[in-house]
Every structure is written in C-alpha cells, then in structure tokens.
Amino acid sequence: MGRSRLLRTIAIFFLAAAQFASAQAKSKASETAKPAPRLKVGDIAPDFTLKTMNSDGLKDVSLHDYKGKKSVVLAFYVFAFTGG
C-alpha cells in the first residue's frame, strides 16, 4: 500500500509540473504576441523629439529636422544597454 501511494504522489507531482509548464508556455506566448501596428507602410510618421548624446553633449533631435533632407531609419532595441 505504501509503494502505490508513493507512485500516485509522484505521478500527481509530474502531472502538476507538466500543467504548470504548459501554463507558463501559454503565458509567454501571449506576452510575445505583437499588437496591431498603428502605422502602415507608406504612412507619414508622426513628428517626435528625442534626446540624444553626441560629441557635443545632450541634444534634442526631431524628425521634422530631416524632412525633405534625408532618409530616416528608426531602430528600436528593447532593453538595449540596460540591466533589464
């Protein structure tokens, strides 16, 4: 009787662990789901201003500063250069 009880306990433990792992995987999948983009290809980007550090120190840079002058490529690196 003691051995069968131990085997049932182990089986319940593994089933609970598998269920927990499945729930964690589903949770991570929902966290990584991408939201619908607000801008589409060809849309005009809204104006914005960022603070940037260059050789002259801290400087404000706005998108409208480049209108009609240059092409602009925006790249976002989530948690880049941070401890997160």
PDB file of N, CA and C in Angstrom:
ATOM      1  N   MET A   1       0.811  -1.191   0.000  1.00  0.00           N
ATOM      2  CA  MET A   1       0.000   0.000   0.000  1.00  0.00           C
ATOM      3  C   MET A   1       0.857   1.258   0.000  1.00  0.00           C
ATOM      4  N   GLY A   2       1.950   1.257   0.738  1.00  0.00           N
ATOM      5  CA  GLY A   2       2.814   2.417   0.819  1.00  0.00           C
ATOM      6  C   GLY A   2       3.478   2.744  -0.512  1.00  0.00           C
ATOM      7  N   ARG A   3       3.862   1.700  -1.241  1.00  0.00           N
ATOM      8  CA  ARG A   3       4.538   1.911  -2.522  1.00  0.00           C
ATOM      9  C   ARG A   3       3.579   2.504  -3.559  1.00  0.00           C
ATOM     10  N   SER A   4       2.350   2.007  -3.611  1.00  0.00           N
ATOM     11  CA  SER A   4       1.380   2.522  -4.585  1.00  0.00           C
ATOM     12  C   SER A   4       1.012   3.968  -4.254  1.00  0.00           C
ATOM     13  N   ARG A   5       0.970   4.281  -2.979  1.00  0.00           N
ATOM     14  CA  ARG A   5       0.687   5.664  -2.583  1.00  0.00           C
ATOM     15  C   ARG A   5       1.825   6.585  -3.021  1.00  0.00           C
ATOM     16  N   LEU A   6       3.064   6.140  -2.875  1.00  0.00           N
ATOM     17  CA  LEU A   6       4.224   6.908  -3.312  1.00  0.00           C
ATOM     18  C   LEU A   6       4.194   7.115  -4.832  1.00  0.00           C
ATOM     19  N   LEU A   7       3.879   6.061  -5.577  1.00  0.00           N
ATOM     20  CA  LEU A   7       3.802   6.172  -7.041  1.00  0.00           C
ATOM     21  C   LEU A   7       2.700   7.138  -7.471  1.00  0.00           C
ATOM     22  N   ARG A   8       1.558   7.104  -6.786  1.00  0.00           N
ATOM     23  CA  ARG A   8       0.484   8.044  -7.106  1.00  0.00           C
ATOM     24  C   ARG A   8       0.911   9.485  -6.813  1.00  0.00           C
ATOM     25  N   THR A   9       1.596   9.667  -5.708  1.00  0.00           N
ATOM     26  CA  THR A   9       2.069  11.006  -5.342  1.00  0.00           C
ATOM     27  C   THR A   9       3.061  11.525  -6.379  1.00  0.00           C
ATOM     28  N   ILE A  10       3.970  10.662  -6.809  1.00  0.00           N
ATOM     29  CA  ILE A  10       4.945  11.057  -7.839  1.00  0.00           C
ATOM     30  C   ILE A  10       4.230  11.371  -9.150  1.00  0.00           C
ATOM     31  N   ALA A  11       3.258  10.562  -9.521  1.00  0.00           N
ATOM     32  CA  ALA A  11       2.514  10.798 -10.762  1.00  0.00           C
ATOM     33  C   ALA A  11       1.765  12.127 -10.694  1.00  0.00           C
ATOM     34  N   ILE A  12       1.137  12.407  -9.541  1.00  0.00           N
ATOM     35  CA  ILE A  12       0.421  13.676  -9.386  1.00  0.00           C
ATOM     36  C   ILE A  12       1.391  14.849  -9.477  1.00  0.00           C
ATOM     37  N   PHE A  13       2.566  14.689  -8.867  1.00  0.00           N
ATOM     38  CA  PHE A  13       3.575  15.744  -8.929  1.00  0.00           C
ATOM     39  C   PHE A  13       3.980  16.034 -10.369  1.00  0.00           C
ATOM     40  N   PHE A  14       4.260  14.976 -11.145  1.00  0.00           N
ATOM     41  CA  PHE A  14       4.668  15.186 -12.529  1.00  0.00           C
ATOM     42  C   PHE A  14       3.539  15.765 -13.387  1.00  0.00           C
ATOM     43  N   LEU A  15       2.319  15.356 -13.126  1.00  0.00           N
ATOM     44  CA  LEU A  15       1.188  15.935 -13.862  1.00  0.00           C
ATOM     45  C   LEU A  15       1.033  17.417 -13.536  1.00  0.00           C
ATOM     46  N   ALA A  16       1.177  17.756 -12.261  1.00  0.00           N
ATOM     47  CA  ALA A  16       1.071  19.166 -11.865  1.00  0.00           C
ATOM     48  C   ALA A  16       2.206  19.980 -12.481  1.00  0.00           C
ATOM     49  N   ALA A  17       3.424  19.419 -12.498  1.00  0.00           N
ATOM     50  CA  ALA A  17       4.561  20.117 -13.094  1.00  0.00           C
ATOM     51  C   ALA A  17       4.344  20.326 -14.591  1.00  0.00           C
ATOM     52  N   ALA A  18       3.821  19.327 -15.274  1.00  0.00           N
ATOM     53  CA  ALA A  18       3.552  19.457 -16.708  1.00  0.00           C
ATOM     54  C   ALA A  18       2.478  20.498 -16.969  1.00  0.00           C
ATOM     55  N   GLN A  19       1.467  20.521 -16.121  1.00  0.00           N
ATOM     56  CA  GLN A  19       0.401  21.512 -16.287  1.00  0.00           C
ATOM     57  C   GLN A  19       0.930  22.922 -16.032  1.00  0.00           C
ATOM     58  N   PHE A  20       1.785  23.072 -15.029  1.00  0.00           N
ATOM     59  CA  PHE A  20       2.389  24.364 -14.736  1.00  0.00           C
ATOM     60  C   PHE A  20       3.258  24.828 -15.904  1.00  0.00           C
ATOM     61  N   ALA A  21       4.072  23.923 -16.459  1.00  0.00           N
ATOM     62  CA  ALA A  21       4.931  24.274 -17.594  1.00  0.00           C
ATOM     63  C   ALA A  21       4.097  24.680 -18.797  1.00  0.00           C
ATOM     64  N   SER A  22       2.996  23.995 -19.024  1.00  0.00           N
ATOM     65  CA  SER A  22       2.110  24.337 -20.143  1.00  0.00           C
ATOM     66  C   SER A  22       1.504  25.724 -19.946  1.00  0.00           C
ATOM     67  N   ALA A  23       1.084  26.025 -18.713  1.00  0.00           N
ATOM     68  CA  ALA A  23       0.510  27.343 -18.426  1.00  0.00           C
ATOM     69  C   ALA A  23       1.552  28.435 -18.604  1.00  0.00           C
ATOM     70  N   GLN A  24       2.795  28.169 -18.187  1.00  0.00           N
ATOM     71  CA  GLN A  24       3.872  29.141 -18.360  1.00  0.00           C
ATOM     72  C   GLN A  24       4.136  29.396 -19.842  1.00  0.00           C
ATOM     73  N   ALA A  25       4.151  28.342 -20.644  1.00  0.00           N
ATOM     74  CA  ALA A  25       4.393  28.488 -22.084  1.00  0.00           C
ATOM     75  C   ALA A  25       3.284  29.313 -22.736  1.00  0.00           C
ATOM     76  N   LYS A  26       2.038  29.067 -22.340  1.00  0.00           N
ATOM     77  CA  LYS A  26       0.916  29.832 -22.890  1.00  0.00           C
ATOM     78  C   LYS A  26       1.016  31.290 -22.475  1.00  0.00           C
ATOM     79  N   SER A  27       1.421  31.527 -21.230  1.00  0.00           N
ATOM     80  CA  SER A  27       1.568  32.895 -20.728  1.00  0.00           C
ATOM     81  C   SER A  27       2.643  33.641 -21.504  1.00  0.00           C
ATOM     82  N   LYS A  28       3.775  32.998 -21.756  1.00  0.00           N
ATOM     83  CA  LYS A  28       4.854  33.638 -22.510  1.00  0.00           C
ATOM     84  C   LYS A  28       4.438  33.890 -23.947  1.00  0.00           C
ATOM     85  N   ALA A  29       3.676  32.968 -24.522  1.00  0.00           N
ATOM     86  CA  ALA A  29       3.209  33.153 -25.895  1.00  0.00           C
ATOM     87  C   ALA A  29       2.290  34.356 -25.990  1.00  0.00           C
ATOM     88  N   SER A  30       1.425  34.546 -24.995  1.00  0.00           N
ATOM     89  CA  SER A  30       0.521  35.696 -25.044  1.00  0.00           C
ATOM     90  C   SER A  30       1.272  36.995 -24.792  1.00  0.00           C
ATOM     91  N   GLU A  31       2.365  36.946 -24.005  1.00  0.00           N
ATOM     92  CA  GLU A  31       3.164  38.148 -23.756  1.00  0.00           C
ATOM     93  C   GLU A  31       3.907  38.588 -25.012  1.00  0.00           C
ATOM     94  N   THR A  32       4.308  37.639 -25.847  1.00  0.00           N
ATOM     95  CA  THR A  32       5.084  37.978 -27.031  1.00  0.00           C
ATOM     96  C   THR A  32       4.213  38.275 -28.248  1.00  0.00           C
ATOM     97  N   ALA A  33       2.893  38.169 -28.095  1.00  0.00           N
ATOM     98  CA  ALA A  33       2.005  38.491 -29.212  1.00  0.00           C
ATOM     99  C   ALA A  33       2.163  39.971 -29.557  1.00  0.00           C
ATOM    100  N   LYS A  34       2.309  40.245 -30.823  1.00  0.00           N
ATOM    101  CA  LYS A  34       2.543  41.617 -31.271  1.00  0.00           C
ATOM    102  C   LYS A  34       1.230  42.380 -31.389  1.00  0.00           C
ATOM    103  N   PRO A  35       1.189  43.604 -30.891  1.00  0.00           N
ATOM    104  CA  PRO A  35      -0.014  44.413 -31.080  1.00  0.00           C
ATOM    105  C   PRO A  35      -0.117  44.870 -32.535  1.00  0.00           C
ATOM    106  N   ALA A  36      -1.307  45.181 -32.945  1.00  0.00           N
ATOM    107  CA  ALA A  36      -1.518  45.654 -34.312  1.00  0.00           C
ATOM    108  C   ALA A  36      -0.797  46.990 -34.504  1.00  0.00           C
ATOM    109  N   PRO A  37      -0.056  47.147 -35.595  1.00  0.00           N
ATOM    110  CA  PRO A  37       0.658  48.413 -35.816  1.00  0.00           C
ATOM    111  C   PRO A  37      -0.310  49.551 -36.088  1.00  0.00           C
ATOM    112  N   ARG A  38       0.042  50.719 -35.577  1.00  0.00           N
ATOM    113  CA  ARG A  38      -0.802  51.893 -35.816  1.00  0.00           C
ATOM    114  C   ARG A  38      -0.469  52.537 -37.156  1.00  0.00           C
ATOM    115  N   LEU A  39       0.769  52.385 -37.585  1.00  0.00           N
ATOM    116  CA  LEU A  39       1.188  52.937 -38.870  1.00  0.00           C
ATOM    117  C   LEU A  39       1.341  51.814 -39.876  1.00  0.00           C
ATOM    118  N   LYS A  40       1.040  52.119 -41.098  1.00  0.00           N
ATOM    119  CA  LYS A  40       1.207  51.153 -42.180  1.00  0.00           C
ATOM    120  C   LYS A  40       2.312  51.645 -43.101  1.00  0.00           C
ATOM    121  N   VAL A  41       2.816  50.760 -43.911  1.00  0.00           N
ATOM    122  CA  VAL A  41       3.842  51.137 -44.879  1.00  0.00           C
ATOM    123  C   VAL A  41       3.297  52.253 -45.754  1.00  0.00           C
ATOM    124  N   GLY A  42       4.066  53.316 -45.884  1.00  0.00           N
ATOM    125  CA  GLY A  42       3.666  54.445 -46.698  1.00  0.00           C
ATOM    126  C   GLY A  42       3.031  55.577 -45.906  1.00  0.00           C
ATOM    127  N   ASP A  43       2.624  55.313 -44.648  1.00  0.00           N
ATOM    128  CA  ASP A  43       2.065  56.376 -43.806  1.00  0.00           C
ATOM    129  C   ASP A  43       3.157  57.366 -43.430  1.00  0.00           C
ATOM    130  N   ILE A  44       2.767  58.606 -43.218  1.00  0.00           N
ATOM    131  CA  ILE A  44       3.710  59.622 -42.753  1.00  0.00           C
ATOM    132  C   ILE A  44       3.864  59.450 -41.249  1.00  0.00           C
ATOM    133  N   ALA A  45       5.108  59.348 -40.804  1.00  0.00           N
ATOM    134  CA  ALA A  45       5.381  59.159 -39.381  1.00  0.00           C
ATOM    135  C   ALA A  45       5.037  60.425 -38.614  1.00  0.00           C
ATOM    136  N   PRO A  46       4.483  60.276 -37.422  1.00  0.00           N
ATOM    137  CA  PRO A  46       4.200  61.465 -36.612  1.00  0.00           C
ATOM    138  C   PRO A  46       5.507  62.099 -36.134  1.00  0.00           C
ATOM    139  N   ASP A  47       5.494  63.394 -35.966  1.00  0.00           N
ATOM    140  CA  ASP A  47       6.703  64.078 -35.511  1.00  0.00           C
ATOM    141  C   ASP A  47       6.983  63.726 -34.055  1.00  0.00           C
ATOM    142  N   PHE A  48       8.242  63.622 -33.717  1.00  0.00           N
ATOM    143  CA  PHE A  48       8.642  63.366 -32.341  1.00  0.00           C
ATOM    144  C   PHE A  48      10.018  63.969 -32.114  1.00  0.00           C
ATOM    145  N   THR A  49      10.359  64.138 -30.851  1.00  0.00           N
ATOM    146  CA  THR A  49      11.664  64.676 -30.467  1.00  0.00           C
ATOM    147  C   THR A  49      12.289  63.736 -29.445  1.00  0.00           C
ATOM    148  N   LEU A  50      13.556  63.426 -29.640  1.00  0.00           N
ATOM    149  CA  LEU A  50      14.303  62.566 -28.730  1.00  0.00           C
ATOM    150  C   LEU A  50      15.521  63.302 -28.213  1.00  0.00           C
ATOM    151  N   LYS A  51      15.925  62.958 -27.028  1.00  0.00           N
ATOM    152  CA  LYS A  51      17.186  63.472 -26.510  1.00  0.00           C
ATOM    153  C   LYS A  51      18.253  62.468 -26.887  1.00  0.00           C
ATOM    154  N   THR A  52      19.338  62.953 -27.457  1.00  0.00           N
ATOM    155  CA  THR A  52      20.410  62.067 -27.879  1.00  0.00           C
ATOM    156  C   THR A  52      21.746  62.614 -27.408  1.00  0.00           C
ATOM    157  N   MET A  53      22.674  61.722 -27.188  1.00  0.00           N
ATOM    158  CA  MET A  53      24.009  62.120 -26.754  1.00  0.00           C
ATOM    159  C   MET A  53      24.943  61.976 -27.956  1.00  0.00           C
ATOM    160  N   ASN A  54      25.613  63.074 -28.274  1.00  0.00           N
ATOM    161  CA  ASN A  54      26.619  63.020 -29.335  1.00  0.00           C
ATOM    162  C   ASN A  54      27.892  63.688 -28.823  1.00  0.00           C
ATOM    163  N   SER A  55      28.824  63.959 -29.701  1.00  0.00           N
ATOM    164  CA  SER A  55      30.104  64.535 -29.268  1.00  0.00           C
ATOM    165  C   SER A  55      29.949  65.929 -28.672  1.00  0.00           C
ATOM    166  N   ASP A  56      28.850  66.625 -28.985  1.00  0.00           N
ATOM    167  CA  ASP A  56      28.597  67.959 -28.435  1.00  0.00           C
ATOM    168  C   ASP A  56      27.836  67.915 -27.113  1.00  0.00           C
ATOM    169  N   GLY A  57      27.456  66.746 -26.652  1.00  0.00           N
ATOM    170  CA  GLY A  57      26.687  66.613 -25.418  1.00  0.00           C
ATOM    171  C   GLY A  57      25.254  66.211 -25.705  1.00  0.00           C
ATOM    172  N   LEU A  58      24.381  66.459 -24.757  1.00  0.00           N
ATOM    173  CA  LEU A  58      22.973  66.110 -24.885  1.00  0.00           C
ATOM    174  C   LEU A  58      22.283  67.100 -25.823  1.00  0.00           C
ATOM    175  N   LYS A  59      21.519  66.572 -26.785  1.00  0.00           N
ATOM    176  CA  LYS A  59      20.909  67.415 -27.809  1.00  0.00           C
ATOM    177  C   LYS A  59      19.528  66.866 -28.148  1.00  0.00           C
ATOM    178  N   ASP A  60      18.569  67.757 -28.418  1.00  0.00           N
ATOM    179  CA  ASP A  60      17.244  67.345 -28.904  1.00  0.00           C
ATOM    180  C   ASP A  60      17.317  67.143 -30.409  1.00  0.00           C
ATOM    181  N   VAL A  61      16.767  66.031 -30.857  1.00  0.00           N
ATOM    182  CA  VAL A  61      16.699  65.741 -32.294  1.00  0.00           C
ATOM    183  C   VAL A  61      15.249  65.459 -32.626  1.00  0.00           C
ATOM    184  N   SER A  62      14.714  66.159 -33.624  1.00  0.00           N
ATOM    185  CA  SER A  62      13.318  65.981 -34.035  1.00  0.00           C
ATOM    186  C   SER A  62      13.247  65.415 -35.439  1.00  0.00           C
ATOM    187  N   LEU A  63      12.213  64.666 -35.689  1.00  0.00           N
ATOM    188  CA  LEU A  63      12.028  64.095 -37.017  1.00  0.00           C
ATOM    189  C   LEU A  63      11.850  65.192 -38.054  1.00  0.00           C
ATOM    190  N   HIS A  64      11.154  66.279 -37.691  1.00  0.00           N
ATOM    191  CA  HIS A  64      10.907  67.339 -38.671  1.00  0.00           C
ATOM    192  C   HIS A  64      12.202  68.034 -39.107  1.00  0.00           C
ATOM    193  N   ASP A  65      13.283  67.884 -38.339  1.00  0.00           N
ATOM    194  CA  ASP A  65      14.575  68.459 -38.740  1.00  0.00           C
ATOM    195  C   ASP A  65      15.110  67.830 -40.032  1.00  0.00           C
ATOM    196  N   TYR A  66      14.671  66.630 -40.331  1.00  0.00           N
ATOM    197  CA  TYR A  66      15.181  65.907 -41.501  1.00  0.00           C
ATOM    198  C   TYR A  66      14.205  65.878 -42.671  1.00  0.00           C
ATOM    199  N   LYS A  67      13.034  66.483 -42.514  1.00  0.00           N
ATOM    200  CA  LYS A  67      12.026  66.436 -43.574  1.00  0.00           C
ATOM    201  C   LYS A  67      12.561  67.082 -44.850  1.00  0.00           C
ATOM    202  N   GLY A  68      12.530  66.316 -45.935  1.00  0.00           N
ATOM    203  CA  GLY A  68      12.973  66.794 -47.234  1.00  0.00           C
ATOM    204  C   GLY A  68      14.480  66.810 -47.413  1.00  0.00           C
ATOM    205  N   LYS A  69      15.245  66.453 -46.373  1.00  0.00           N
ATOM    206  CA  LYS A  69      16.702  66.490 -46.455  1.00  0.00           C
ATOM    207  C   LYS A  69      17.328  65.107 -46.596  1.00  0.00           C
ATOM    208  N   LYS A  70      16.864  64.177 -45.792  1.00  0.00           N
ATOM    209  CA  LYS A  70      17.491  62.863 -45.744  1.00  0.00           C
ATOM    210  C   LYS A  70      16.435  61.788 -45.514  1.00  0.00           C
ATOM    211  N   SER A  71      16.849  60.564 -45.779  1.00  0.00           N
ATOM    212  CA  SER A  71      16.009  59.431 -45.383  1.00  0.00           C
ATOM    213  C   SER A  71      16.307  59.139 -43.923  1.00  0.00           C
ATOM    214  N   VAL A  72      15.296  58.688 -43.210  1.00  0.00           N
ATOM    215  CA  VAL A  72      15.460  58.397 -41.797  1.00  0.00           C
ATOM    216  C   VAL A  72      15.077  56.940 -41.552  1.00  0.00           C
ATOM    217  N   VAL A  73      15.935  56.221 -40.835  1.00  0.00           N
ATOM    218  CA  VAL A  73      15.655  54.850 -40.435  1.00  0.00           C
ATOM    219  C   VAL A  73      15.593  54.826 -38.916  1.00  0.00           C
ATOM    220  N   LEU A  74      14.506  54.299 -38.386  1.00  0.00           N
ATOM    221  CA  LEU A  74      14.357  54.197 -36.937  1.00  0.00           C
ATOM    222  C   LEU A  74      14.572  52.753 -36.533  1.00  0.00           C
ATOM    223  N   ALA A  75      15.396  52.540 -35.529  1.00  0.00           N
ATOM    224  CA  ALA A  75      15.622  51.197 -34.998  1.00  0.00           C
ATOM    225  C   ALA A  75      15.483  51.261 -33.490  1.00  0.00           C
ATOM    226  N   PHE A  76      14.653  50.388 -32.948  1.00  0.00           N
ATOM    227  CA  PHE A  76      14.440  50.346 -31.509  1.00  0.00           C
ATOM    228  C   PHE A  76      14.990  49.029 -30.980  1.00  0.00           C
ATOM    229  N   TYR A  77      15.812  49.113 -29.977  1.00  0.00           N
ATOM    230  CA  TYR A  77      16.373  47.933 -29.328  1.00  0.00           C
ATOM    231  C   TYR A  77      15.810  47.885 -27.911  1.00  0.00           C
ATOM    232  N   VAL A  78      14.835  47.027 -27.712  1.00  0.00           N
ATOM    233  CA  VAL A  78      14.187  46.935 -26.419  1.00  0.00           C
ATOM    234  C   VAL A  78      15.202  46.451 -25.383  1.00  0.00           C
ATOM    235  N   PHE A  79      15.296  47.163 -24.288  1.00  0.00           N
ATOM    236  CA  PHE A  79      16.190  46.875 -23.177  1.00  0.00           C
ATOM    237  C   PHE A  79      17.666  46.923 -23.553  1.00  0.00           C
ATOM    238  N   ALA A  80      18.009  47.558 -24.673  1.00  0.00           N
ATOM    239  CA  ALA A  80      19.420  47.684 -25.038  1.00  0.00           C
ATOM    240  C   ALA A  80      20.129  48.590 -24.060  1.00  0.00           C
ATOM    241  N   PHE A  81      21.302  48.208 -23.664  1.00  0.00           N
ATOM    242  CA  PHE A  81      22.149  48.985 -22.773  1.00  0.00           C
ATOM    243  C   PHE A  81      21.505  49.199 -21.399  1.00  0.00           C
ATOM    244  N   THR A  82      20.628  48.292 -20.992  1.00  0.00           N
ATOM    245  CA  THR A  82      20.019  48.394 -19.672  1.00  0.00           C
ATOM    246  C   THR A  82      20.197  47.065 -18.950  1.00  0.00           C
ATOM    247  N   GLY A  83      19.915  47.068 -17.703  1.00  0.00           N
ATOM    248  CA  GLY A  83      20.009  45.842 -16.925  1.00  0.00           C
ATOM    249  C   GLY A  83      18.792  44.946 -17.069  1.00  0.00           C
ATOM    250  N   GLY A  84      17.758  45.407 -17.808  1.00  0.00           N
ATOM    251  CA  GLY A  84      16.514  44.641 -17.948  1.00  0.00           C
ATOM    252  C   GLY A  84      16.635  43.650 -18.975  1.00  0.00           C
TER     253      GLY A  84
END
